[in-house]
Amino acid sequence: MPEWPQQVVVNATPLIALALIGKLDLLQQLYGQVIVPSAVEAEVFAGGPRGIGSIEIQEATWLHTVSLQDPHLSDVAIAEVLELADKVQA
């Protein structure tokens, strides 16, 4: 059986898809620490306070939202995911 990473950086797609089927907790079970870039969180919340994933993300205390300091990347969700993933691996 492969050894899974201790932490993972996610974008909006798995958050929304897993929230939609009521399985958001699979991320925690598989990876332990789950990091959500602030731009990704904003992307999920763009659907409104009752949008798919919004409530689930707010209730998942094990999700860790992290902001990047680089102003060129702050509004681009995928750039934040890649930047944080690079820092996590270092």
C-alpha atoms as a PDB file:
ATOM      1  CA  MET A   1       0.000   0.000   0.000  1.00  0.00           C
ATOM      2  CA  PRO A   2       1.426   3.435  -0.920  1.00  0.00           C
ATOM      3  CA  GLU A   3       2.325   5.875   1.813  1.00  0.00           C
ATOM      4  CA  TRP A   4       0.185   9.027   1.579  1.00  0.00           C
ATOM      5  CA  PRO A   5       1.564  12.509   2.209  1.00  0.00           C
ATOM      6  CA  GLN A   6       1.052  14.042   5.641  1.00  0.00           C
ATOM      7  CA  GLN A   7      -0.430  17.167   4.082  1.00  0.00           C
ATOM      8  CA  VAL A   8      -1.959  18.171   0.783  1.00  0.00           C
ATOM      9  CA  VAL A   9      -2.890  21.437  -0.935  1.00  0.00           C
ATOM     10  CA  VAL A  10      -6.271  21.359  -2.690  1.00  0.00           C
ATOM     11  CA  ASN A  11      -8.084  23.447  -5.237  1.00  0.00           C
ATOM     12  CA  ALA A  12     -11.824  24.048  -5.448  1.00  0.00           C
ATOM     13  CA  THR A  13     -12.747  21.020  -7.558  1.00  0.00           C
ATOM     14  CA  PRO A  14     -12.209  18.283  -4.948  1.00  0.00           C
ATOM     15  CA  LEU A  15     -13.684  20.473  -2.214  1.00  0.00           C
ATOM     16  CA  ILE A  16     -16.882  21.094  -4.150  1.00  0.00           C
ATOM     17  CA  ALA A  17     -17.166  17.568  -5.565  1.00  0.00           C
ATOM     18  CA  LEU A  18     -16.646  15.843  -2.218  1.00  0.00           C
ATOM     19  CA  ALA A  19     -18.959  18.286  -0.427  1.00  0.00           C
ATOM     20  CA  LEU A  20     -21.611  17.581  -3.050  1.00  0.00           C
ATOM     21  CA  ILE A  21     -21.623  13.865  -2.196  1.00  0.00           C
ATOM     22  CA  GLY A  22     -21.164  14.380   1.542  1.00  0.00           C
ATOM     23  CA  LYS A  23     -17.626  12.971   1.619  1.00  0.00           C
ATOM     24  CA  LEU A  24     -15.424  16.019   2.284  1.00  0.00           C
ATOM     25  CA  ASP A  25     -13.930  14.195   5.266  1.00  0.00           C
ATOM     26  CA  LEU A  26     -12.205  11.758   2.879  1.00  0.00           C
ATOM     27  CA  LEU A  27      -9.525  14.397   2.366  1.00  0.00           C
ATOM     28  CA  GLN A  28      -8.708  14.401   6.064  1.00  0.00           C
ATOM     29  CA  GLN A  29      -8.785  10.601   6.231  1.00  0.00           C
ATOM     30  CA  LEU A  30      -6.398  10.263   3.281  1.00  0.00           C
ATOM     31  CA  TYR A  31      -4.008  13.144   3.904  1.00  0.00           C
ATOM     32  CA  GLY A  32      -4.310  14.366   7.484  1.00  0.00           C
ATOM     33  CA  GLN A  33      -3.589  18.070   7.087  1.00  0.00           C
ATOM     34  CA  VAL A  34      -5.465  19.687   4.213  1.00  0.00           C
ATOM     35  CA  ILE A  35      -4.344  23.151   3.119  1.00  0.00           C
ATOM     36  CA  VAL A  36      -6.719  25.450   1.250  1.00  0.00           C
ATOM     37  CA  PRO A  37      -5.275  28.572  -0.402  1.00  0.00           C
ATOM     38  CA  SER A  38      -7.326  31.667   0.422  1.00  0.00           C
ATOM     39  CA  ALA A  39      -8.111  32.231  -3.280  1.00  0.00           C
ATOM     40  CA  VAL A  40      -9.524  28.689  -3.464  1.00  0.00           C
ATOM     41  CA  GLU A  41     -11.672  29.314  -0.404  1.00  0.00           C
ATOM     42  CA  ALA A  42     -12.937  32.528  -2.026  1.00  0.00           C
ATOM     43  CA  GLU A  43     -13.722  30.593  -5.207  1.00  0.00           C
ATOM     44  CA  VAL A  44     -15.868  28.116  -3.254  1.00  0.00           C
ATOM     45  CA  PHE A  45     -17.562  30.907  -1.302  1.00  0.00           C
ATOM     46  CA  ALA A  46     -18.339  32.742  -4.572  1.00  0.00           C
ATOM     47  CA  GLY A  47     -21.362  30.456  -4.817  1.00  0.00           C
ATOM     48  CA  GLY A  48     -22.814  32.265  -1.819  1.00  0.00           C
ATOM     49  CA  PRO A  49     -23.163  31.274   1.826  1.00  0.00           C
ATOM     50  CA  ARG A  50     -25.345  28.302   0.900  1.00  0.00           C
ATOM     51  CA  GLY A  51     -23.453  27.343  -2.266  1.00  0.00           C
ATOM     52  CA  ILE A  52     -22.085  23.835  -2.691  1.00  0.00           C
ATOM     53  CA  GLY A  53     -19.159  23.412  -0.338  1.00  0.00           C
ATOM     54  CA  SER A  54     -19.508  26.711   1.525  1.00  0.00           C
ATOM     55  CA  ILE A  55     -21.157  25.315   4.641  1.00  0.00           C
ATOM     56  CA  GLU A  56     -19.025  22.166   4.617  1.00  0.00           C
ATOM     57  CA  ILE A  57     -15.779  24.159   4.425  1.00  0.00           C
ATOM     58  CA  GLN A  58     -16.873  26.427   7.262  1.00  0.00           C
ATOM     59  CA  GLU A  59     -17.671  23.402   9.437  1.00  0.00           C
ATOM     60  CA  ALA A  60     -14.489  21.438   8.612  1.00  0.00           C
ATOM     61  CA  THR A  61     -12.176  22.668  11.360  1.00  0.00           C
ATOM     62  CA  TRP A  62      -9.435  20.399  10.014  1.00  0.00           C
ATOM     63  CA  LEU A  63      -9.125  22.460   6.802  1.00  0.00           C
ATOM     64  CA  HIS A  64      -6.344  25.039   7.060  1.00  0.00           C
ATOM     65  CA  THR A  65      -6.760  28.190   4.962  1.00  0.00           C
ATOM     66  CA  VAL A  66      -3.455  29.826   4.074  1.00  0.00           C
ATOM     67  CA  SER A  67      -2.850  33.173   2.379  1.00  0.00           C
ATOM     68  CA  LEU A  68       0.123  33.868   0.157  1.00  0.00           C
ATOM     69  CA  GLN A  69       2.057  37.072   0.541  1.00  0.00           C
ATOM     70  CA  ASP A  70       2.881  37.498  -3.175  1.00  0.00           C
ATOM     71  CA  PRO A  71       0.401  40.110  -4.493  1.00  0.00           C
ATOM     72  CA  HIS A  72       0.779  38.773  -8.046  1.00  0.00           C
ATOM     73  CA  LEU A  73      -0.663  35.418  -6.999  1.00  0.00           C
ATOM     74  CA  SER A  74      -3.256  36.473  -4.451  1.00  0.00           C
ATOM     75  CA  ASP A  75      -6.268  36.393  -6.777  1.00  0.00           C
ATOM     76  CA  VAL A  76      -5.369  33.371  -8.846  1.00  0.00           C
ATOM     77  CA  ALA A  77      -6.526  30.183  -7.129  1.00  0.00           C
ATOM     78  CA  ILE A  78      -4.522  27.691  -9.187  1.00  0.00           C
ATOM     79  CA  ALA A  79      -1.363  29.775  -8.774  1.00  0.00           C
ATOM     80  CA  GLU A  80      -1.848  29.669  -5.008  1.00  0.00           C
ATOM     81  CA  VAL A  81      -2.351  25.909  -5.080  1.00  0.00           C
ATOM     82  CA  LEU A  82       0.861  25.403  -7.042  1.00  0.00           C
ATOM     83  CA  GLU A  83       2.859  27.851  -4.917  1.00  0.00           C
ATOM     84  CA  LEU A  84       1.707  26.294  -1.644  1.00  0.00           C
ATOM     85  CA  ALA A  85       2.267  22.773  -2.939  1.00  0.00           C
ATOM     86  CA  ASP A  86       5.822  23.752  -3.835  1.00  0.00           C
ATOM     87  CA  LYS A  87       6.389  25.125  -0.316  1.00  0.00           C
ATOM     88  CA  VAL A  88       4.884  22.023   1.312  1.00  0.00           C
ATOM     89  CA  GLN A  89       7.259  19.743  -0.587  1.00  0.00           C
ATOM     90  CA  ALA A  90      10.329  21.815   0.290  1.00  0.00           C
END
